[in-house]
Amino acid sequence: MTTSTVFQDIAEIFRGQVSDAFLLDYSEDSLKQVDKLISLVSQPGEKPDETLVLSAGAYLGETTLRLLGGSWKIDEAELADSSVRLNGCELWPFRRVRQRIYYGTQNPLYAWFEMARAGATQEVEKLLQGQEQATLIRPTGYDPLVIKIKKRRKIEE
């Protein structure tokens, strides 16, 4: 069994433990269901439960991989700090789940997926074009990741 199949297994266990009232089918809409579930089992400002972080993070990462492609980048020292690589972008689903639990609905999982989709379609560079740099906060809220984007000079004809 590879480490990436561990995340598939964790996501499947998570799906099996969740009520049928929450349709978790690895679709975009299912991420909204995970947000609702997190709201039911946690309160903003609480220390995130690491079992929930691992379960929901594996589901978020697996949904992203199934819909957009990419691969897991495994952090063997801290499994719940692994990331998803997608078209030159690196995204941290477990950190986003921690942030979602701690900060509440102002940081929905669906917004993270939208960022992943932008990376998959190379829209990130278009969105940031014209800016010297953009700061994305890694979902832990503690360590900002600065992505430097060089300004492209428009060729005048």
C-alpha atoms as a PDB file:
ATOM      1  CA  MET A   1       0.000   0.000   0.000  1.00  0.00           C
ATOM      2  CA  THR A   2       1.425   3.394  -0.982  1.00  0.00           C
ATOM      3  CA  THR A   3       1.077   6.473   1.167  1.00  0.00           C
ATOM      4  CA  SER A   4      -1.249   8.114  -1.361  1.00  0.00           C
ATOM      5  CA  THR A   5      -3.633   5.150  -1.092  1.00  0.00           C
ATOM      6  CA  VAL A   6      -3.629   5.766   2.655  1.00  0.00           C
ATOM      7  CA  PHE A   7      -5.315   9.110   1.932  1.00  0.00           C
ATOM      8  CA  GLN A   8      -7.812   7.369  -0.348  1.00  0.00           C
ATOM      9  CA  ASP A   9      -8.570   4.911   2.457  1.00  0.00           C
ATOM     10  CA  ILE A  10      -8.919   7.685   5.052  1.00  0.00           C
ATOM     11  CA  ALA A  11     -11.284   9.597   2.744  1.00  0.00           C
ATOM     12  CA  GLU A  12     -13.387   6.454   2.254  1.00  0.00           C
ATOM     13  CA  ILE A  13     -13.528   5.785   6.005  1.00  0.00           C
ATOM     14  CA  PHE A  14     -14.606   9.411   6.518  1.00  0.00           C
ATOM     15  CA  ARG A  15     -17.376   8.983   3.928  1.00  0.00           C
ATOM     16  CA  GLY A  16     -18.516   5.803   5.653  1.00  0.00           C
ATOM     17  CA  GLN A  17     -18.707   7.475   9.065  1.00  0.00           C
ATOM     18  CA  VAL A  18     -20.738  10.453   7.873  1.00  0.00           C
ATOM     19  CA  SER A  19     -24.528  10.359   7.841  1.00  0.00           C
ATOM     20  CA  ASP A  20     -26.244   9.745   4.509  1.00  0.00           C
ATOM     21  CA  ALA A  21     -27.760  13.206   4.954  1.00  0.00           C
ATOM     22  CA  PHE A  22     -24.374  14.517   3.771  1.00  0.00           C
ATOM     23  CA  LEU A  23     -23.760  13.417   0.205  1.00  0.00           C
ATOM     24  CA  LEU A  24     -20.008  12.916  -0.019  1.00  0.00           C
ATOM     25  CA  ASP A  25     -19.450  11.809  -3.606  1.00  0.00           C
ATOM     26  CA  TYR A  26     -16.150  13.583  -4.393  1.00  0.00           C
ATOM     27  CA  SER A  27     -17.976  16.371  -6.234  1.00  0.00           C
ATOM     28  CA  GLU A  28     -17.476  20.116  -5.868  1.00  0.00           C
ATOM     29  CA  ASP A  29     -20.815  20.380  -4.089  1.00  0.00           C
ATOM     30  CA  SER A  30     -19.768  17.728  -1.595  1.00  0.00           C
ATOM     31  CA  LEU A  31     -17.149  20.148  -0.232  1.00  0.00           C
ATOM     32  CA  LYS A  32     -20.009  22.402   0.859  1.00  0.00           C
ATOM     33  CA  GLN A  33     -21.422  19.378   2.692  1.00  0.00           C
ATOM     34  CA  VAL A  34     -18.097  18.904   4.501  1.00  0.00           C
ATOM     35  CA  ASP A  35     -18.222  22.593   5.491  1.00  0.00           C
ATOM     36  CA  LYS A  36     -21.702  22.040   6.966  1.00  0.00           C
ATOM     37  CA  LEU A  37     -20.502  18.962   8.810  1.00  0.00           C
ATOM     38  CA  ILE A  38     -17.536  20.839  10.287  1.00  0.00           C
ATOM     39  CA  SER A  39     -19.920  23.573  11.469  1.00  0.00           C
ATOM     40  CA  LEU A  40     -21.992  20.957  13.281  1.00  0.00           C
ATOM     41  CA  VAL A  41     -19.092  19.315  15.120  1.00  0.00           C
ATOM     42  CA  SER A  42     -16.857  22.284  15.945  1.00  0.00           C
ATOM     43  CA  GLN A  43     -16.977  25.899  17.039  1.00  0.00           C
ATOM     44  CA  PRO A  44     -14.764  28.680  15.651  1.00  0.00           C
ATOM     45  CA  GLY A  45     -11.810  29.350  17.905  1.00  0.00           C
ATOM     46  CA  GLU A  46     -11.546  25.752  19.083  1.00  0.00           C
ATOM     47  CA  LYS A  47      -8.334  23.819  18.793  1.00  0.00           C
ATOM     48  CA  PRO A  48      -8.901  21.603  15.751  1.00  0.00           C
ATOM     49  CA  ASP A  49      -9.463  17.903  16.440  1.00  0.00           C
ATOM     50  CA  GLU A  50      -6.646  16.166  14.553  1.00  0.00           C
ATOM     51  CA  THR A  51      -8.791  13.156  13.644  1.00  0.00           C
ATOM     52  CA  LEU A  52     -11.256  15.484  11.920  1.00  0.00           C
ATOM     53  CA  VAL A  53      -8.365  17.365  10.278  1.00  0.00           C
ATOM     54  CA  LEU A  54      -6.897  14.135   8.900  1.00  0.00           C
ATOM     55  CA  SER A  55     -10.278  12.794   7.724  1.00  0.00           C
ATOM     56  CA  ALA A  56     -11.665  15.953   6.140  1.00  0.00           C
ATOM     57  CA  GLY A  57      -8.237  16.918   4.756  1.00  0.00           C
ATOM     58  CA  ALA A  58      -7.845  13.544   3.063  1.00  0.00           C
ATOM     59  CA  TYR A  59     -11.334  13.943   1.583  1.00  0.00           C
ATOM     60  CA  LEU A  60     -10.575  17.491   0.393  1.00  0.00           C
ATOM     61  CA  GLY A  61      -7.288  16.385  -1.182  1.00  0.00           C
ATOM     62  CA  GLU A  62      -8.813  13.299  -2.804  1.00  0.00           C
ATOM     63  CA  THR A  63     -11.727  15.313  -4.206  1.00  0.00           C
ATOM     64  CA  THR A  64      -9.259  17.783  -5.682  1.00  0.00           C
ATOM     65  CA  LEU A  65      -7.167  15.014  -7.242  1.00  0.00           C
ATOM     66  CA  ARG A  66     -10.190  13.231  -8.704  1.00  0.00           C
ATOM     67  CA  LEU A  67     -11.623  16.387 -10.253  1.00  0.00           C
ATOM     68  CA  LEU A  68      -8.484  18.285 -11.234  1.00  0.00           C
ATOM     69  CA  GLY A  69      -5.626  15.788 -11.369  1.00  0.00           C
ATOM     70  CA  GLY A  70      -2.334  16.288  -9.591  1.00  0.00           C
ATOM     71  CA  SER A  71      -0.573  14.173  -7.000  1.00  0.00           C
ATOM     72  CA  TRP A  72       0.098  13.965  -3.291  1.00  0.00           C
ATOM     73  CA  LYS A  73       3.384  15.269  -1.894  1.00  0.00           C
ATOM     74  CA  ILE A  74       3.815  13.265   1.269  1.00  0.00           C
ATOM     75  CA  ASP A  75       5.267  14.783   4.432  1.00  0.00           C
ATOM     76  CA  GLU A  76       6.463  11.631   6.143  1.00  0.00           C
ATOM     77  CA  ALA A  77       7.345  13.460   9.372  1.00  0.00           C
ATOM     78  CA  GLU A  78       3.794  14.843   9.714  1.00  0.00           C
ATOM     79  CA  LEU A  79       1.290  13.024   7.516  1.00  0.00           C
ATOM     80  CA  ALA A  80      -1.391  15.652   8.140  1.00  0.00           C
ATOM     81  CA  ASP A  81       0.900  18.285   6.639  1.00  0.00           C
ATOM     82  CA  SER A  82       1.098  16.610   3.244  1.00  0.00           C
ATOM     83  CA  SER A  83       0.158  18.645   0.208  1.00  0.00           C
ATOM     84  CA  VAL A  84      -1.351  18.323  -3.235  1.00  0.00           C
ATOM     85  CA  ARG A  85       0.747  19.307  -6.243  1.00  0.00           C
ATOM     86  CA  LEU A  86      -1.230  20.592  -9.146  1.00  0.00           C
ATOM     87  CA  ASN A  87       0.177  22.228 -12.262  1.00  0.00           C
ATOM     88  CA  GLY A  88       3.100  23.868 -10.492  1.00  0.00           C
ATOM     89  CA  CYS A  89       1.063  24.876  -7.431  1.00  0.00           C
ATOM     90  CA  GLU A  90       1.296  23.294  -4.006  1.00  0.00           C
ATOM     91  CA  LEU A  91      -1.818  23.263  -1.864  1.00  0.00           C
ATOM     92  CA  TRP A  92      -2.228  22.062   1.727  1.00  0.00           C
ATOM     93  CA  PRO A  93      -5.664  20.483   2.315  1.00  0.00           C
ATOM     94  CA  PHE A  94      -5.029  19.541   5.958  1.00  0.00           C
ATOM     95  CA  ARG A  95      -3.898  23.050   6.831  1.00  0.00           C
ATOM     96  CA  ARG A  96      -7.006  24.434   5.161  1.00  0.00           C
ATOM     97  CA  VAL A  97      -9.217  22.152   7.238  1.00  0.00           C
ATOM     98  CA  ARG A  98      -7.443  23.338  10.413  1.00  0.00           C
ATOM     99  CA  GLN A  99      -8.028  26.923   9.323  1.00  0.00           C
ATOM    100  CA  ARG A 100     -11.681  26.189   8.499  1.00  0.00           C
ATOM    101  CA  ILE A 101     -12.248  24.690  11.943  1.00  0.00           C
ATOM    102  CA  TYR A 102     -10.495  27.505  13.784  1.00  0.00           C
ATOM    103  CA  TYR A 103     -11.801  30.485  11.791  1.00  0.00           C
ATOM    104  CA  GLY A 104     -15.203  29.115  10.843  1.00  0.00           C
ATOM    105  CA  THR A 105     -17.103  29.698   7.645  1.00  0.00           C
ATOM    106  CA  GLN A 106     -15.057  32.697   6.573  1.00  0.00           C
ATOM    107  CA  ASN A 107     -12.549  30.128   5.248  1.00  0.00           C
ATOM    108  CA  PRO A 108     -14.724  27.552   3.457  1.00  0.00           C
ATOM    109  CA  LEU A 109     -13.238  24.453   1.908  1.00  0.00           C
ATOM    110  CA  TYR A 110     -14.971  25.241  -1.350  1.00  0.00           C
ATOM    111  CA  ALA A 111     -12.901  28.454  -1.670  1.00  0.00           C
ATOM    112  CA  TRP A 112      -9.738  26.371  -1.314  1.00  0.00           C
ATOM    113  CA  PHE A 113     -10.979  24.137  -4.115  1.00  0.00           C
ATOM    114  CA  GLU A 114     -11.602  27.203  -6.288  1.00  0.00           C
ATOM    115  CA  MET A 115      -7.973  28.211  -5.708  1.00  0.00           C
ATOM    116  CA  ALA A 116      -6.904  24.698  -6.699  1.00  0.00           C
ATOM    117  CA  ARG A 117      -9.001  24.943  -9.859  1.00  0.00           C
ATOM    118  CA  ALA A 118      -7.348  28.264 -10.714  1.00  0.00           C
ATOM    119  CA  GLY A 119      -3.964  26.576 -10.336  1.00  0.00           C
ATOM    120  CA  ALA A 120      -5.091  23.671 -12.502  1.00  0.00           C
ATOM    121  CA  THR A 121      -6.155  25.979 -15.295  1.00  0.00           C
ATOM    122  CA  GLN A 122      -3.191  28.308 -14.931  1.00  0.00           C
ATOM    123  CA  GLU A 123      -5.584  31.125 -14.002  1.00  0.00           C
ATOM    124  CA  VAL A 124      -3.473  32.003 -10.953  1.00  0.00           C
ATOM    125  CA  GLU A 125      -0.872  33.791 -13.048  1.00  0.00           C
ATOM    126  CA  LYS A 126      -3.589  35.642 -14.974  1.00  0.00           C
ATOM    127  CA  LEU A 127      -5.246  36.728 -11.729  1.00  0.00           C
ATOM    128  CA  LEU A 128      -1.950  37.979 -10.348  1.00  0.00           C
ATOM    129  CA  GLN A 129      -0.677  39.544 -13.558  1.00  0.00           C
ATOM    130  CA  GLY A 130       0.349  43.144 -12.989  1.00  0.00           C
ATOM    131  CA  GLN A 131       1.245  42.625  -9.338  1.00  0.00           C
ATOM    132  CA  GLU A 132       4.807  42.411  -8.078  1.00  0.00           C
ATOM    133  CA  GLN A 133       3.849  39.842  -5.478  1.00  0.00           C
ATOM    134  CA  ALA A 134       0.830  38.297  -3.893  1.00  0.00           C
ATOM    135  CA  THR A 135       0.638  36.808  -0.447  1.00  0.00           C
ATOM    136  CA  LEU A 136      -1.305  33.643   0.121  1.00  0.00           C
ATOM    137  CA  ILE A 137      -1.704  32.552   3.722  1.00  0.00           C
ATOM    138  CA  ARG A 138      -1.061  28.911   4.244  1.00  0.00           C
ATOM    139  CA  PRO A 139      -4.011  27.466   6.082  1.00  0.00           C
ATOM    140  CA  THR A 140      -2.193  27.241   9.394  1.00  0.00           C
ATOM    141  CA  GLY A 141      -2.490  31.010   9.641  1.00  0.00           C
ATOM    142  CA  TYR A 142       1.047  31.157  11.007  1.00  0.00           C
ATOM    143  CA  ASP A 143       3.346  30.958   8.050  1.00  0.00           C
ATOM    144  CA  PRO A 144       2.656  33.191   5.053  1.00  0.00           C
ATOM    145  CA  LEU A 145       3.739  31.938   1.687  1.00  0.00           C
ATOM    146  CA  VAL A 146       4.836  34.689  -0.631  1.00  0.00           C
ATOM    147  CA  ILE A 147       4.668  33.921  -4.304  1.00  0.00           C
ATOM    148  CA  LYS A 148       6.699  36.337  -6.365  1.00  0.00           C
ATOM    149  CA  ILE A 149       5.310  37.068  -9.777  1.00  0.00           C
ATOM    150  CA  LYS A 150       7.457  39.049 -12.164  1.00  0.00           C
ATOM    151  CA  LYS A 151       5.665  41.766 -14.026  1.00  0.00           C
ATOM    152  CA  ARG A 152       5.421  41.060 -17.685  1.00  0.00           C
ATOM    153  CA  ARG A 153       6.179  44.007 -19.812  1.00  0.00           C
ATOM    154  CA  LYS A 154       3.660  44.554 -22.517  1.00  0.00           C
ATOM    155  CA  ILE A 155       5.265  44.657 -25.896  1.00  0.00           C
ATOM    156  CA  GLU A 156       4.194  47.802 -27.609  1.00  0.00           C
ATOM    157  CA  GLU A 157       3.647  47.490 -31.283  1.00  0.00           C
END
